[in-house]
Protein backbone atom coordinates (compact mmCIF):
# COMPACT_ATOMS: atom_id res chain seq x y z
CA MET A 1 -15.19 -22.29 14.98
CA PRO A 2 -13.11 -19.95 17.18
CA ARG A 3 -14.16 -18.88 20.64
CA ALA A 4 -15.11 -15.23 20.98
CA ILE A 5 -12.52 -14.64 23.71
CA PRO A 6 -9.92 -17.43 23.50
CA LYS A 7 -8.55 -18.83 26.72
CA GLY A 8 -5.11 -17.47 27.44
CA LEU A 9 -5.80 -13.98 26.12
CA LYS A 10 -5.76 -12.53 29.63
CA ALA A 11 -2.23 -13.77 30.14
CA ALA A 12 -1.03 -11.73 27.17
CA ILE A 13 -2.53 -8.44 28.38
CA GLY A 14 -0.64 -6.49 31.02
CA PRO A 15 -2.53 -6.20 34.34
CA TRP A 16 -2.56 -2.39 34.34
CA VAL A 17 -3.85 -2.28 30.75
CA SER A 18 -6.49 -4.89 31.57
CA GLN A 19 -7.72 -2.99 34.62
CA SER A 20 -7.74 0.41 32.96
CA MET A 21 -9.61 -0.81 29.88
CA ARG A 22 -12.13 -2.66 32.01
CA LEU A 23 -12.71 0.52 33.97
CA LEU A 24 -13.13 2.56 30.78
CA VAL A 25 -15.55 0.27 28.97
CA ARG A 26 -17.58 -1.12 31.89
CA ARG A 27 -17.71 1.95 34.12
CA GLY A 28 -17.31 4.71 31.56
CA LEU A 29 -18.85 3.68 28.24
CA LEU A 30 -21.42 0.93 28.88
CA PRO A 31 -23.51 2.93 31.43
CA LEU A 32 -23.86 5.76 28.90
CA LEU A 33 -24.64 3.41 26.02
CA ALA A 34 -27.21 1.54 28.12
CA ARG A 35 -29.25 4.75 28.34
CA ALA A 36 -29.08 5.37 24.59
CA SER A 37 -32.20 5.10 22.47
CA ALA A 38 -33.08 1.64 21.23
CA ALA A 39 -33.16 3.15 17.73
CA THR A 40 -29.41 3.67 17.91
CA ALA A 41 -28.56 0.14 19.02
CA SER A 42 -26.37 -2.00 16.79
CA PRO A 43 -28.28 -4.19 14.30
CA ALA A 44 -29.13 -7.80 14.95
CA LEU A 45 -26.25 -10.21 14.58
CA SER A 46 -26.02 -13.48 12.74
CA ALA A 47 -27.37 -16.61 14.35
CA SER A 48 -24.00 -17.29 15.99
CA GLY A 49 -24.01 -13.89 17.72
CA ARG A 50 -20.33 -13.39 16.89
CA ARG A 51 -18.61 -10.19 15.82
CA PHE A 52 -15.23 -9.57 14.19
CA CYS A 53 -12.58 -6.86 14.27
CA ILE A 54 -9.89 -6.58 11.58
CA LEU A 55 -6.76 -4.64 12.56
CA HIS A 56 -4.82 -3.88 9.40
CA LEU A 57 -1.08 -3.16 9.72
CA ASP A 58 -0.30 -1.39 6.48
CA GLY A 59 2.94 -2.37 4.74
CA VAL A 60 4.24 -4.86 7.32
CA SER A 61 5.74 -7.98 5.78
CA ARG A 62 5.79 -11.29 7.60
CA GLN A 63 9.58 -11.01 7.86
CA SER A 64 9.39 -7.54 9.43
CA LEU A 65 6.70 -8.67 11.86
CA VAL A 66 8.70 -11.71 13.00
CA ARG A 67 11.83 -9.63 13.38
CA ALA A 68 9.99 -6.97 15.41
CA ILE A 69 8.58 -9.66 17.71
CA ASP A 70 11.95 -11.40 18.10
CA GLU A 71 13.76 -8.14 18.88
CA GLY A 72 11.23 -7.12 21.54
CA GLN A 73 9.62 -4.28 19.57
CA MET A 74 6.15 -5.87 19.79
CA PRO A 75 5.99 -7.41 23.27
CA PHE A 76 2.21 -7.75 23.35
CA LEU A 77 2.06 -9.76 20.13
CA ALA A 78 4.93 -11.90 21.41
CA ARG A 79 2.95 -12.72 24.57
CA LEU A 80 -0.25 -13.22 22.61
CA LEU A 81 1.30 -15.80 20.29
CA SER A 82 3.08 -17.54 23.16
CA THR A 83 -0.26 -18.22 24.88
CA LYS A 84 -1.38 -20.30 21.88
CA ALA A 85 -4.71 -18.47 21.99
CA TYR A 86 -3.80 -16.89 18.65
CA ARG A 87 -1.75 -18.19 15.74
CA LEU A 88 0.43 -16.54 13.13
CA SER A 89 -0.32 -17.85 9.63
CA ASN A 90 1.38 -17.15 6.33
CA ALA A 91 -0.56 -15.21 3.71
CA TRP A 92 -0.03 -13.56 0.31
CA SER A 93 -0.73 -10.06 -0.88
CA GLY A 94 -1.72 -10.93 -4.43
CA ALA A 95 -0.91 -8.64 -7.33
CA PRO A 96 -0.36 -5.79 -7.21
CA ALA A 97 1.06 -5.64 -3.67
CA SER A 98 -0.77 -2.39 -3.00
CA THR A 99 -3.30 -1.20 -0.42
CA PRO A 100 -6.19 -0.16 -2.73
CA ALA A 101 -6.10 -3.46 -4.62
CA PHE A 102 -5.99 -5.40 -1.34
CA GLN A 103 -8.90 -3.43 0.15
CA ALA A 104 -10.96 -3.85 -3.02
CA GLY A 105 -10.70 -7.62 -2.58
CA LEU A 106 -11.08 -7.75 1.21
CA LEU A 107 -13.88 -5.22 1.61
CA TYR A 108 -15.86 -5.85 -1.61
CA GLY A 109 -14.80 -9.31 -2.77
CA ALA A 110 -13.53 -7.85 -6.06
CA GLN A 111 -11.36 -10.55 -7.60
CA ALA A 112 -10.63 -8.57 -10.78
CA ALA A 113 -10.72 -4.93 -9.67
CA ASP A 114 -8.92 -2.82 -12.27
CA ILE A 115 -6.47 -1.26 -9.80
CA PRO A 116 -2.94 -1.92 -11.13
CA SER A 117 -1.13 0.13 -8.45
CA PHE A 118 -1.64 3.11 -6.16
CA VAL A 119 -1.41 5.39 -9.20
CA TRP A 120 -1.97 4.64 -12.88
CA PHE A 121 -2.94 6.25 -16.21
CA ASP A 122 -6.50 6.07 -17.53
CA ARG A 123 -6.40 5.52 -21.28
CA GLY A 124 -9.93 6.80 -21.78
CA SER A 125 -9.68 10.15 -20.01
CA ARG A 126 -5.92 10.52 -20.72
CA ARG A 127 -5.23 11.45 -17.13
CA GLU A 128 -3.42 10.13 -14.08
CA VAL A 129 -5.54 8.36 -11.46
CA ARG A 130 -4.33 8.46 -7.86
CA MET A 131 -5.72 6.78 -4.76
CA ASP A 132 -4.56 9.65 -2.55
CA ARG A 133 -6.88 11.92 -4.55
CA ALA A 134 -10.31 11.74 -2.93
CA THR A 135 -12.33 12.18 -6.12
CA ASP A 136 -10.43 9.37 -7.86
CA ALA A 137 -10.81 7.07 -4.86
CA ALA A 138 -14.54 7.89 -4.73
CA ARG A 139 -14.97 7.03 -8.41
CA VAL A 140 -13.26 3.65 -7.94
CA GLU A 141 -15.26 2.95 -4.77
CA SER A 142 -18.56 3.62 -6.55
CA GLN A 143 -17.63 0.98 -9.13
CA LEU A 144 -16.75 -1.51 -6.39
CA ARG A 145 -19.99 -0.77 -4.56
CA GLU A 146 -22.08 -1.48 -7.68
CA ASN A 147 -21.05 -5.12 -7.51
CA GLY A 148 -22.43 -5.48 -3.96
CA GLY A 149 -20.96 -7.71 -1.29
CA ALA A 150 -19.59 -4.92 0.94
CA LEU A 151 -18.10 -6.59 4.03
CA LEU A 152 -18.71 -3.79 6.52
CA GLU A 153 -22.46 -3.19 6.16
CA HIS A 154 -23.71 -1.93 9.57
CA GLY A 155 -20.06 -1.79 10.61
CA SER A 156 -17.31 0.81 10.90
CA ALA A 157 -14.10 1.61 9.04
CA ALA A 158 -11.28 3.90 10.13
CA PHE A 159 -8.39 5.32 8.10
CA SER A 160 -9.06 3.13 5.09
CA ILE A 161 -9.07 4.14 1.41
CA PHE A 162 -12.52 2.61 0.92
CA PRO A 163 -15.31 2.34 3.55
CA GLY A 164 -16.46 -1.17 2.58
CA GLY A 165 -20.11 -0.24 3.12
CA ALA A 166 -19.55 1.06 6.66
CA ARG A 167 -21.84 3.85 7.83
CA ARG A 168 -19.18 4.97 10.29
CA ASN A 169 -16.19 5.68 8.07
CA ALA A 170 -13.80 7.98 9.89
CA MET A 171 -11.18 9.39 7.51
CA THR A 172 -11.75 6.92 4.67
CA ARG A 173 -10.14 8.49 1.60
CA SER A 174 -12.94 7.89 -0.91
CA SER A 175 -15.54 9.41 1.42
CA TRP A 176 -13.80 12.79 1.17
CA GLY A 177 -14.65 12.75 -2.53
CA MET A 178 -18.35 11.94 -2.07
CA PRO A 179 -20.45 14.79 -0.60
CA GLY A 180 -22.46 13.54 2.32
CA GLU A 181 -20.62 10.23 2.56
CA LEU A 182 -17.99 11.15 5.16
CA SER A 183 -19.37 10.12 8.52
CA PHE A 184 -17.32 10.15 11.72
CA VAL A 185 -20.52 9.22 13.57
CA ASP A 186 -23.35 7.04 12.30
CA PRO A 187 -26.13 9.48 11.26
CA ALA A 188 -28.54 7.62 13.53
CA LEU A 189 -26.39 8.49 16.57
CA ARG A 190 -25.94 12.22 16.01
CA HIS A 191 -28.98 13.30 18.01
CA ASP A 192 -28.65 10.78 20.82
CA HIS A 193 -26.99 12.60 23.72
CA TRP A 194 -25.98 9.37 25.45
CA GLN A 195 -24.21 8.08 22.34
CA LEU A 196 -22.46 11.41 21.94
CA GLY A 197 -21.53 11.30 25.61
CA ALA A 198 -19.86 7.92 25.13
CA ALA A 199 -18.01 9.25 22.08
CA THR A 200 -16.84 12.28 24.07
CA THR A 201 -15.57 10.03 26.86
CA ALA A 202 -13.57 7.83 24.48
CA HIS A 203 -12.17 10.62 22.35
CA ALA A 204 -11.21 12.73 25.33
CA LEU A 205 -8.48 10.11 25.68
CA THR A 206 -7.68 10.54 21.97
CA ALA A 207 -7.30 14.30 22.35
CA ALA A 208 -5.27 14.09 25.55
CA ARG A 209 -2.81 11.57 24.14
CA ILE A 210 -2.45 13.47 20.86
CA VAL A 211 -1.59 16.69 22.66
CA ARG A 212 0.90 14.94 24.94
CA ARG A 213 2.59 13.10 22.09
CA LEU A 214 2.76 16.12 19.80
CA PHE A 215 4.45 18.03 22.59
CA SER A 216 7.07 15.31 23.18
CA GLU A 217 7.62 14.00 19.63
CA THR A 218 7.49 16.98 17.26
CA LEU A 219 10.95 18.45 17.87
CA PRO A 220 12.77 15.09 17.64
CA ALA A 221 10.89 14.38 14.39
CA VAL A 222 11.95 17.73 12.93
CA GLY A 223 15.57 17.04 13.91
CA GLU A 224 15.47 13.62 12.28
CA VAL A 225 14.11 15.10 9.02
CA VAL A 226 16.88 17.71 8.92
CA SER A 227 19.53 15.04 9.58
CA TRP A 228 18.19 12.74 6.87
CA SER A 229 17.94 15.55 4.31
CA ARG A 230 21.57 16.42 4.90
CA LYS A 231 22.56 12.77 4.57
CA ILE A 232 20.95 12.26 1.15
CA GLY A 233 21.45 15.85 -0.05
CA ARG A 234 17.80 16.30 -0.98
CA VAL A 235 14.81 17.92 0.73
CA GLN A 236 12.07 16.79 -1.66
CA HIS A 237 9.23 14.88 0.07
CA GLU A 238 10.62 15.60 3.55
CA PRO A 239 8.18 18.39 4.62
CA THR A 240 5.25 16.26 3.47
CA PHE A 241 6.75 13.21 5.17
CA LEU A 242 7.06 15.12 8.46
CA MET A 243 3.40 16.15 8.35
CA ASN A 244 2.27 12.65 7.38
CA LYS A 245 4.41 11.07 10.06
CA MET A 246 2.92 13.21 12.81
CA ALA A 247 -0.59 12.81 11.43
CA LEU A 248 -0.38 9.02 11.10
CA CYS A 249 1.88 8.08 14.01
CA VAL A 250 0.13 10.39 16.42
CA GLY A 251 -3.31 11.53 15.26
CA ALA A 252 -4.50 8.57 13.18
CA ARG A 253 -3.12 5.88 15.47
CA GLU A 254 -4.74 7.38 18.58
CA ALA A 255 -8.06 8.02 16.84
CA ALA A 256 -8.14 4.50 15.40
CA THR A 257 -7.33 2.95 18.77
CA TRP A 258 -9.96 4.71 20.85
CA GLY A 259 -12.54 4.73 18.05
CA THR A 260 -12.25 0.95 17.82
CA VAL A 261 -12.66 0.61 21.60
CA LEU A 262 -15.77 2.80 21.46
CA ASP A 263 -17.32 0.78 18.65
CA MET A 264 -16.63 -2.43 20.54
CA ALA A 265 -18.53 -1.05 23.50
CA ARG A 266 -21.37 -0.17 21.12
CA GLY A 267 -21.37 -3.74 19.83
CA VAL A 268 -20.80 -2.82 16.18
CA PRO A 269 -20.76 -6.21 14.43
CA ALA A 270 -17.95 -5.59 11.91
CA LEU A 271 -14.91 -3.40 12.66
CA TYR A 272 -11.98 -2.48 10.41
CA SER A 273 -9.14 -0.16 11.44
CA CYS A 274 -6.02 0.56 9.42
CA PHE A 275 -2.69 1.58 11.01
CA SER A 276 -0.51 3.19 8.32
CA ASP A 277 2.35 4.81 10.24
CA TYR A 278 4.87 2.01 9.64
CA ASP A 279 4.18 2.05 5.90
CA GLU A 280 4.74 5.81 5.62
CA ILE A 281 8.02 5.70 7.53
CA ALA A 282 9.29 2.60 5.71
CA HIS A 283 8.84 4.32 2.34
CA ARG A 284 11.11 7.18 3.35
CA ARG A 285 13.55 5.48 5.75
CA GLN A 286 13.63 1.79 4.66
CA PRO A 287 11.51 -1.04 6.09
CA ASP A 288 14.14 -2.05 8.65
CA ALA A 289 14.90 1.48 9.89
CA GLY A 290 14.86 2.12 13.62
CA SER A 291 12.11 4.74 13.26
CA ALA A 292 9.94 2.26 11.35
CA PHE A 293 10.30 -0.32 14.12
CA GLU A 294 9.50 2.37 16.70
CA ALA A 295 6.20 2.80 14.86
CA LEU A 296 5.59 -0.95 15.24
CA ARG A 297 6.16 -0.64 18.98
CA GLY A 298 3.51 2.08 19.10
CA ILE A 299 1.11 -0.04 17.06
CA ASP A 300 1.72 -2.93 19.46
CA TRP A 301 0.61 -0.62 22.32
CA SER A 302 -2.61 0.10 20.43
CA LEU A 303 -3.24 -3.58 19.73
CA GLU A 304 -2.87 -4.45 23.41
CA HIS A 305 -5.48 -1.87 24.41
CA ILE A 306 -7.92 -3.02 21.71
CA PHE A 307 -7.51 -6.67 22.71
CA ALA A 308 -7.98 -5.64 26.35
CA ALA A 309 -11.26 -3.92 25.43
CA ALA A 310 -12.46 -7.11 23.74
CA ASP A 311 -11.47 -9.08 26.84
CA ALA A 312 -13.45 -6.65 29.02
CA LEU A 313 -16.53 -7.20 26.84
CA PRO A 314 -16.93 -11.01 26.70
CA GLU A 315 -20.66 -10.64 26.01
CA ARG A 316 -19.84 -8.94 22.69
CA ARG A 317 -18.06 -12.09 21.45
CA TYR A 318 -15.45 -10.39 19.29
CA ASP A 319 -12.97 -12.37 17.22
CA LEU A 320 -9.92 -10.25 16.44
CA TYR A 321 -7.67 -10.54 13.38
CA VAL A 322 -4.36 -8.74 12.81
CA LEU A 323 -3.26 -8.80 9.19
CA SER A 324 -1.25 -7.01 6.54
CA ASP A 325 -1.99 -6.07 2.93
CA HIS A 326 1.61 -6.25 1.67
CA GLY A 327 5.19 -5.85 2.82
CA GLN A 328 7.99 -3.64 1.62
CA VAL A 329 11.48 -4.23 0.25
CA ILE A 330 14.57 -2.08 0.75
CA THR A 331 15.11 -0.13 -2.46
CA GLU A 332 17.51 2.30 -4.04
CA PRO A 333 15.82 5.00 -6.15
CA PHE A 334 16.37 4.58 -9.90
CA GLU A 335 17.25 8.26 -10.04
CA ALA A 336 19.97 7.81 -7.42
CA ILE A 337 21.55 5.05 -9.53
CA THR A 338 21.28 6.59 -13.00
CA GLY A 339 21.08 10.29 -12.14
CA VAL A 340 17.67 10.76 -13.79
CA GLY A 341 14.15 9.38 -13.59
CA LEU A 342 12.94 6.57 -15.86
CA LEU A 343 11.38 8.73 -18.57
CA ASP A 344 14.41 11.05 -18.77
CA TYR A 345 16.58 7.94 -18.86
CA ILE A 346 14.65 6.68 -21.89
CA ALA A 347 15.28 10.03 -23.55
CA LEU A 348 19.00 10.20 -22.76
CA ALA A 349 20.30 6.61 -22.82
CA GLU A 350 22.68 5.52 -25.60
CA PRO A 351 23.62 1.96 -26.54
CA GLY A 352 27.01 1.03 -25.16
CA PRO A 353 29.65 -1.25 -26.68
CA ASP A 354 28.96 -4.95 -27.10
CA ASP A 355 29.81 -6.71 -23.83
CA GLY A 356 30.71 -9.92 -25.62
CA SER A 357 27.32 -11.58 -25.22
CA GLY A 358 25.60 -9.52 -27.87
CA ALA A 359 24.13 -7.08 -25.32
CA ARG A 360 24.94 -3.37 -25.32
CA VAL A 361 24.60 -2.01 -21.78
CA PRO A 362 23.20 1.54 -22.08
CA PHE A 363 25.10 4.56 -20.83
CA LEU A 364 24.32 8.24 -20.30
CA ASP A 365 26.24 11.35 -21.33
CA GLY A 366 27.32 13.05 -18.11
CA SER A 367 26.87 16.65 -19.26
CA ALA A 368 23.36 15.97 -20.56
CA VAL A 369 22.45 14.29 -17.26
CA ARG A 370 23.68 17.29 -15.26
CA GLN A 371 21.65 19.71 -17.36
CA VAL A 372 18.50 17.64 -16.98
CA GLN A 373 19.11 17.35 -13.23
CA ARG A 374 19.25 21.14 -12.91
CA LEU A 375 16.03 21.53 -14.88
CA ARG A 376 14.24 18.87 -12.81
CA ALA A 377 15.42 20.55 -9.59
CA ILE A 378 13.85 23.82 -10.77
CA GLU A 379 10.69 21.94 -11.73
CA ARG A 380 10.45 20.32 -8.27
CA ALA A 381 10.97 23.66 -6.55
CA ALA A 382 8.11 25.20 -8.54
CA SER A 383 5.78 22.20 -8.36
CA ASN A 384 4.04 23.33 -5.16
CA VAL A 385 2.94 26.66 -6.63
CA LEU A 386 1.99 25.58 -10.16
CA PRO A 387 -1.42 24.13 -11.12
CA GLU A 388 -1.40 20.52 -12.28
CA SER A 389 -1.90 21.35 -15.97
CA THR A 390 1.07 23.71 -15.90
CA ARG A 391 3.20 21.15 -14.06
CA GLN A 392 2.48 18.61 -16.79
CA GLN A 393 3.50 21.11 -19.48
CA VAL A 394 6.72 21.90 -17.64
CA HIS A 395 7.45 18.18 -17.19
CA ARG A 396 6.97 17.58 -20.92
CA GLY A 397 9.11 20.60 -21.73
CA VAL A 398 12.02 19.22 -19.74
CA LEU A 399 11.58 15.87 -21.49
CA ALA A 400 11.77 17.61 -24.88
CA ILE A 401 15.00 19.30 -23.80
CA ALA A 402 16.36 15.93 -22.66
CA ARG A 403 15.65 14.44 -26.05
CA ALA A 404 17.32 17.39 -27.75
CA LEU A 405 20.37 16.99 -25.53
CA ARG A 406 20.52 13.30 -26.40
CA SER A 407 20.30 14.04 -30.11
CA SER A 408 23.08 16.60 -29.91
CA THR A 409 25.50 14.18 -28.24
CA SER A 410 24.58 11.12 -30.29
CA GLY A 411 26.62 9.97 -33.22
CA ASP A 412 24.21 8.22 -35.55
CA GLY A 413 21.24 8.15 -33.20
CA ARG A 414 21.08 4.36 -33.03
CA GLY A 415 19.13 3.00 -30.10
CA GLU A 416 17.42 6.26 -29.21
CA ALA A 417 14.28 4.76 -27.72
CA LEU A 418 12.27 7.96 -27.44
CA GLU A 419 12.69 8.70 -31.18
CA GLU A 420 10.33 5.77 -31.80
CA ILE A 421 7.52 7.67 -30.09
CA GLU A 422 5.91 9.97 -32.67
CA LYS A 423 5.07 12.66 -30.17
CA LEU A 424 6.12 13.29 -26.58
CA GLU A 425 2.45 13.01 -25.58
CA ASP A 426 2.39 9.44 -26.91
CA ILE A 427 4.33 7.99 -23.98
CA GLU A 428 3.19 8.07 -20.36
CA CYS A 429 5.40 6.82 -17.56
CA ILE A 430 3.68 6.25 -14.22
CA GLU A 431 6.12 5.56 -11.40
CA ALA A 432 4.42 3.57 -8.64
CA GLY A 433 7.01 2.37 -6.14
CA ASP A 434 9.21 -0.43 -7.44
CA LEU A 435 7.15 -0.78 -10.58
CA ALA A 436 6.42 1.60 -13.42
CA HIS A 437 3.68 1.50 -16.04
CA LEU A 438 4.63 2.59 -19.56
CA TYR A 439 1.70 3.51 -21.83
CA LEU A 440 2.62 3.75 -25.52
CA GLY A 441 0.54 5.55 -28.12
CA LYS A 442 -2.98 6.86 -27.66
CA GLY A 443 -4.96 3.68 -28.17
CA SER A 444 -7.82 2.78 -25.84
CA THR A 445 -6.64 -0.83 -25.46
CA PRO A 446 -3.27 -2.23 -24.38
CA LEU A 447 -0.66 -3.21 -26.96
CA ALA A 448 0.52 -6.80 -27.28
CA CYS A 449 4.22 -7.58 -26.96
CA GLY A 450 4.52 -8.44 -30.64
CA GLU A 451 3.19 -5.02 -31.61
CA ILE A 452 5.55 -3.32 -29.15
CA GLU A 453 8.51 -5.23 -30.60
CA ARG A 454 7.48 -4.14 -34.09
CA ARG A 455 6.86 -0.47 -33.31
CA TYR A 456 9.25 0.18 -30.41
CA PRO A 457 12.12 -2.37 -30.62
CA ASN A 458 14.75 0.06 -29.31
CA LEU A 459 12.62 1.02 -26.30
CA LEU A 460 12.05 -2.59 -25.28
CA ARG A 461 15.73 -3.44 -25.86
CA LEU A 462 16.81 -0.48 -23.72
CA LEU A 463 14.61 -1.55 -20.79
CA VAL A 464 15.66 -5.19 -20.94
CA GLN A 465 19.39 -4.36 -21.07
CA THR A 466 19.39 -1.76 -18.28
CA PRO A 467 20.98 -3.21 -15.10
CA ALA A 468 18.82 -1.01 -12.82
CA ILE A 469 15.66 -2.65 -14.20
CA GLY A 470 14.55 -6.12 -13.17
CA VAL A 471 11.57 -7.84 -14.79
CA VAL A 472 9.76 -6.32 -17.78
CA ALA A 473 6.33 -7.79 -18.61
CA ALA A 474 3.92 -7.37 -21.51
CA ARG A 475 0.74 -8.99 -22.77
CA GLU A 476 0.73 -11.58 -25.56
CA GLY A 477 -2.53 -13.16 -26.67
CA THR A 478 -4.45 -14.36 -23.63
CA SER A 479 -1.24 -14.63 -21.60
CA GLY A 480 1.99 -12.65 -21.56
CA VAL A 481 5.76 -12.61 -21.72
CA ALA A 482 8.40 -11.50 -19.26
CA PHE A 483 12.02 -10.48 -19.72
CA TRP A 484 14.53 -10.98 -16.94
CA GLN A 485 18.29 -11.34 -16.90
CA ARG A 486 18.32 -11.07 -20.71
CA ARG A 487 16.02 -14.04 -21.06
CA ARG A 488 12.50 -14.16 -22.43
CA PHE A 489 9.87 -16.16 -20.51
CA ASP A 490 6.60 -17.36 -22.00
CA LEU A 491 4.06 -16.86 -19.21
CA SER A 492 1.66 -19.33 -20.85
CA ASP A 493 4.25 -22.07 -20.23
CA ALA A 494 4.50 -22.94 -16.53
CA ALA A 495 7.60 -25.07 -17.06
CA ASP A 496 9.40 -22.24 -18.86
CA CYS A 497 8.78 -19.94 -15.88
CA GLN A 498 10.35 -22.14 -13.21
CA ALA A 499 13.56 -20.12 -13.52
CA LEU A 500 11.62 -16.87 -13.03
CA ASP A 501 12.23 -17.24 -9.31
CA LEU A 502 12.53 -14.16 -7.09
CA GLY A 503 12.79 -16.16 -3.88
CA TYR A 504 9.36 -17.76 -3.60
CA GLY A 505 9.20 -19.94 -6.72
CA GLY A 506 8.72 -19.26 -10.42
CA ALA A 507 5.14 -20.52 -10.33
CA MET A 508 4.02 -17.79 -7.92
CA THR A 509 5.97 -15.10 -9.77
CA ARG A 510 4.25 -16.19 -12.98
CA GLU A 511 0.85 -16.09 -11.28
CA PHE A 512 1.35 -12.55 -9.99
CA LEU A 513 2.65 -11.30 -13.36
CA LEU A 514 -0.33 -12.78 -15.18
CA LYS A 515 -2.68 -11.17 -12.68
CA MET A 516 -1.11 -7.77 -13.31
CA LEU A 517 -1.27 -8.16 -17.09
CA SER A 518 -4.94 -9.15 -16.87
CA LEU A 519 -5.83 -5.68 -15.57
CA PRO A 520 -6.91 -3.40 -18.44
CA SER A 521 -5.40 -0.29 -16.83
CA ALA A 522 -1.92 -1.75 -16.39
CA GLY A 523 0.72 -0.29 -18.72
CA ASP A 524 1.56 -1.69 -22.14
CA LEU A 525 4.89 -2.46 -20.51
CA VAL A 526 5.04 -3.14 -16.78
CA VAL A 527 8.56 -2.44 -15.56
CA TYR A 528 9.66 -3.88 -12.21
CA GLY A 529 12.66 -2.92 -10.11
CA ASN A 530 12.66 -6.41 -8.56
CA GLY A 531 15.55 -8.63 -9.56
CA ALA A 532 17.67 -5.73 -10.78
CA ASN A 533 21.35 -6.39 -11.43
CA CYS A 534 23.22 -3.35 -10.17
CA GLY A 535 25.60 -4.19 -7.37
CA LEU A 536 24.02 -4.41 -3.94
CA HIS A 537 20.68 -3.08 -5.15
CA ARG A 538 18.47 -6.10 -5.66
CA HIS A 539 15.35 -3.92 -5.71
CA VAL A 540 15.06 -0.52 -7.39
CA ALA A 541 12.30 2.06 -6.84
CA PHE A 542 11.19 4.24 -9.72
CA SER A 543 9.65 6.64 -7.22
CA TRP A 544 12.03 8.50 -4.92
CA GLU A 545 11.77 6.19 -1.92
CA PHE A 546 13.92 3.78 0.04
CA GLY A 547 11.25 1.22 0.82
CA SER A 548 8.76 0.12 -1.83
CA HIS A 549 5.91 -2.19 -2.68
CA ALA A 550 3.47 -2.90 -5.55
CA GLY A 551 6.04 -5.14 -7.22
CA ILE A 552 6.83 -8.84 -6.99
CA GLY A 553 9.65 -8.91 -4.44
CA GLN A 554 9.44 -11.68 -1.86
CA GLU A 555 8.98 -9.42 1.16
CA GLU A 556 6.29 -7.45 -0.68
CA VAL A 557 4.06 -10.43 -1.41
CA GLU A 558 4.61 -12.52 1.76
CA THR A 559 2.24 -11.28 4.47
CA PHE A 560 0.50 -12.72 7.53
CA VAL A 561 -2.72 -13.13 9.46
CA ILE A 562 -2.83 -13.41 13.27
CA HIS A 563 -6.09 -15.13 14.17
CA PRO A 564 -7.80 -17.14 16.92
CA SER A 565 -6.29 -20.62 17.12
CA GLY A 566 -9.67 -22.22 16.52
CA VAL A 567 -9.82 -20.85 12.98
CA THR A 568 -8.97 -23.69 10.59
CA PHE A 569 -9.00 -21.69 7.34
CA ASP A 570 -5.70 -22.07 5.45
CA PHE A 571 -4.71 -18.44 4.85
CA GLY A 572 -1.56 -19.53 3.02
CA ARG A 573 -3.67 -20.91 0.18
CA ALA A 574 -5.34 -17.54 -0.39
CA HIS A 575 -3.44 -15.73 -3.13
CA HIS A 576 -5.89 -12.84 -3.39
CA SER A 577 -7.65 -10.76 -0.75
CA ALA A 578 -11.04 -11.60 -2.29
CA GLU A 579 -10.58 -15.05 -0.75
CA LEU A 580 -10.30 -13.39 2.68
CA HIS A 581 -13.58 -11.60 1.90
CA ARG A 582 -15.26 -14.96 1.30
CA PHE A 583 -13.82 -16.30 4.55
CA PHE A 584 -15.23 -13.43 6.62
CA CYS A 585 -18.59 -13.49 4.82
CA GLU A 586 -19.02 -17.23 5.35
CA THR A 587 -17.71 -17.30 8.91
CA TYR A 588 -19.71 -14.31 10.13
CA GLU A 589 -22.74 -14.69 7.83
CA ARG A 590 -22.26 -11.30 6.20
């Protein structure tokens, strides 16, 4: 069992940071909290008297972490690991490599949560479900909560999608969608002046640092957005990215840092804080971009101060864990390669000449593509002022025009995949990073591959033969099939899938594909940009982004856990975050 404060931790913390944090918690916070009402004290601990703090670095792959440490971007973690007080262990994201699925497993122990990506289509309600929509996140969280086992009971959560049972749940997404559930302060503490005094002391630092950083960082951030927009010739997403970057890199990071320090001083037994600034920047600027690694340097600063607070509070006996939910891969947007998005591509693509192997690589008519591009540009410009229902109608209208353009330029119409769909409303394409879910027809249950091949043979052939698409997966019986590099793989046959290797072995790829296909809400066809065959672009994003996850790329699924050296649990054997939930519950008697 690990020590609460491992020997050697002090050597990793800078002397000024150590002294300042000791002054804050022992001279500033503890005297105020000592006067607080006994009714507001933290609940009794387990028999061991140990507490834990999980610091979640959203979107950071093991490879990115190691590179950042080696290049001096994360000096505190470098010193921490060199002391041997903490160890870096391999871990896996599971499938999908997405934050809500990871948090469902970690915070609730949900091994089979029906969360196929950050966004998906609900066959029952015939609507899109998004985890950045508070009401949708709240609905999913209520289902997770029904199963019990919330990890953070009597604890706190900050900047998470789900609260995990925490009464203190600052800025958790699902809580915004549940009236009365959002709680920056535990309800029991609201009328205790000493507790509020401690909170004011800690968050005065939050406010001061936010103001200082906004003053120094806003103009450079605006300049960088303008420069990038000129480089790619597109402004879409950039205003939102700028706001998110400032909110996450500045506001959320500071609030998470000092809120965690405050809760440590309070002795809250289970802490969980999520740092999402790297993930946001990596999506828009690539995972290895300089601005993304600058975010890691800032996160490293926060980690040092949180570890220093734990070191200043040895009586609290905190074990700290730094982990990631998934990584990201460098991607090229599908639209940048083909000129149109995936659904428009399905409408416009024509079968090309036989390449000698029996395959007919699809091609697009240039004039039709240009007309659709102009229509989509108008649609994007109007999207911010139109209600969602109207936006959907406009989107469908452009798709109908695309199909008409395709029909007018086609000779005999052979291979027109969208013609196989009886109505435009019978196909839904949900773009979710470097994977896309295709829902065919209006049935309430997923279609098997055999049925898809019978009803939509041209659609499946088009997807499989498109160079900008990697793996295509579908259900078949109790298992599934996958198509990659013009070969069909039987996912029920482990030996057949050995060649389905994306860098970490065919067996693991098969496992993650089967996990995805086991989720009822996953598409009838799950289309991955991983393993694409289009020049330098090994990974393709169906969303407009330059760093992606949710797929099965090696850097997406290989993650890490930094933990006290005394922990003997083999994190590399855990292929799903629900196994981490069991580890924390057993170790800390949750």
